[in-house]
């Protein structure tokens, strides 16, 4: 007599836990995307840009692929473009960082 009662309570508990889990999963999937704040390079610029400085400006690793470099350049450039209120100097440094990372500079700072 007690066994069917305990089995019924266990089944009801499992059903409620499953319902709660499904509701929590739907609420988790429906939450708004929160942008992650990335800390960009805030130091001064060196006389000749190195790969390390270029990677810090773009927010990528020194060994990043050319596709990652272009993607990071685009993101940083959109945030600092002169037409959107950014400075021409910063835009030129961002472009120089991209060139250094892609190996398109004539300077001595682009050695691999």
Protein backbone atom coordinates (compact mmCIF):
# COMPACT_ATOMS: atom_id res chain seq x y z
CA UNK A 1 0.00 0.00 0.00
CA UNK A 2 2.82 2.43 0.81
CA UNK A 3 4.94 1.45 -2.19
CA UNK A 4 2.49 2.71 -4.88
CA UNK A 5 2.09 5.95 -2.94
CA UNK A 6 5.87 6.50 -2.79
CA UNK A 7 6.19 5.62 -6.49
CA UNK A 8 3.47 8.14 -7.33
CA UNK A 9 5.18 10.87 -5.31
CA UNK A 10 8.51 10.07 -7.00
CA UNK A 11 6.95 10.25 -10.47
CA UNK A 12 5.22 13.55 -9.63
CA UNK A 13 8.49 14.96 -8.28
CA UNK A 14 10.37 13.91 -11.41
CA UNK A 15 7.68 15.47 -13.62
CA UNK A 16 7.83 18.76 -11.72
CA UNK A 17 11.63 18.79 -11.84
CA UNK A 18 11.52 18.12 -15.59
CA UNK A 19 8.97 20.89 -16.12
CA UNK A 20 11.12 23.30 -14.11
CA UNK A 21 14.20 22.29 -16.09
CA UNK A 22 12.46 22.86 -19.43
CA UNK A 23 11.20 26.28 -18.31
CA UNK A 24 14.67 27.24 -17.12
CA UNK A 25 16.19 26.13 -20.43
CA UNK A 26 13.69 28.21 -22.45
CA UNK A 27 14.34 31.24 -20.24
CA UNK A 28 18.08 30.75 -20.71
CA UNK A 29 17.77 30.57 -24.50
CA UNK A 30 15.46 33.60 -24.65
CA UNK A 31 17.66 35.93 -22.59
CA UNK A 32 19.08 38.94 -24.45
CA UNK A 33 22.65 38.75 -25.61
CA UNK A 34 24.90 40.75 -23.32
CA UNK A 35 27.94 42.11 -25.11
CA UNK A 36 31.18 41.26 -23.45
CA UNK A 37 33.34 44.24 -22.74
CA UNK A 38 36.78 43.86 -24.22
CA UNK A 39 39.66 45.91 -22.99
CA UNK A 40 41.46 47.49 -25.90
CA UNK A 41 45.05 48.67 -25.92
CA UNK A 42 45.28 51.96 -24.03
CA UNK A 43 49.02 52.56 -24.03
CA UNK A 44 51.06 55.03 -26.04
CA UNK A 45 52.49 54.21 -29.44
CA UNK A 46 56.11 53.30 -30.11
CA UNK A 47 58.23 54.99 -32.79
CA UNK A 48 58.12 51.94 -35.08
CA UNK A 49 55.25 49.54 -34.55
CA UNK A 50 56.09 45.97 -33.57
CA UNK A 51 53.96 42.85 -33.98
CA UNK A 52 53.34 42.87 -30.24
CA UNK A 53 52.02 46.42 -30.28
CA UNK A 54 49.97 45.73 -33.41
CA UNK A 55 48.39 42.68 -31.81
CA UNK A 56 47.55 44.68 -28.68
CA UNK A 57 45.93 47.43 -30.77
CA UNK A 58 43.80 44.93 -32.68
CA UNK A 59 43.07 42.80 -29.61
CA UNK A 60 44.36 39.54 -31.12
CA UNK A 61 47.29 37.18 -30.62
CA UNK A 62 50.58 37.73 -32.40
CA UNK A 63 50.12 34.42 -34.21
CA UNK A 64 46.61 35.19 -35.51
CA UNK A 65 45.63 34.13 -39.01
CA UNK A 66 45.15 36.77 -41.73
CA UNK A 67 41.38 36.25 -41.59
CA UNK A 68 41.36 36.93 -37.83
CA UNK A 69 43.51 40.02 -38.40
CA UNK A 70 41.09 41.39 -41.00
CA UNK A 71 38.09 40.65 -38.79
CA UNK A 72 39.67 42.33 -35.75
CA UNK A 73 40.77 45.30 -37.88
CA UNK A 74 37.22 45.77 -39.11
CA UNK A 75 35.77 45.68 -35.57
CA UNK A 76 38.29 48.15 -34.17
CA UNK A 77 38.03 50.39 -37.23
CA UNK A 78 34.23 50.55 -37.03
CA UNK A 79 34.53 51.73 -33.42
CA UNK A 80 37.21 54.35 -34.23
CA UNK A 81 36.48 55.46 -37.79
CA UNK A 82 36.93 59.22 -38.40
CA UNK A 83 33.50 59.44 -40.05
CA UNK A 84 31.94 58.11 -36.85
CA UNK A 85 33.68 60.51 -34.49
CA UNK A 86 37.07 58.81 -34.22
CA UNK A 87 40.39 60.49 -34.92
CA UNK A 88 42.41 60.27 -38.10
CA UNK A 89 45.53 59.49 -36.08
CA UNK A 90 43.96 56.46 -34.39
CA UNK A 91 42.60 55.25 -37.72
CA UNK A 92 46.07 55.47 -39.25
CA UNK A 93 47.56 53.52 -36.32
CA UNK A 94 44.87 50.85 -36.63
CA UNK A 95 45.60 50.53 -40.35
CA UNK A 96 49.33 50.38 -39.60
CA UNK A 97 48.69 47.62 -37.06
CA UNK A 98 46.81 45.62 -39.69
CA UNK A 99 49.66 46.09 -42.17
CA UNK A 100 52.25 44.99 -39.60
CA UNK A 101 50.25 41.87 -38.73
CA UNK A 102 49.80 40.99 -42.40
CA UNK A 103 53.47 41.68 -43.16
CA UNK A 104 52.82 44.53 -45.59
CA UNK A 105 55.15 47.13 -44.04
CA UNK A 106 58.62 48.21 -45.02
CA UNK A 107 59.63 49.09 -41.44
CA UNK A 108 62.00 47.14 -39.23
CA UNK A 109 59.28 46.39 -36.64
CA UNK A 110 57.53 43.78 -38.76
CA UNK A 111 60.06 40.99 -38.35
CA UNK A 112 58.52 37.62 -37.67
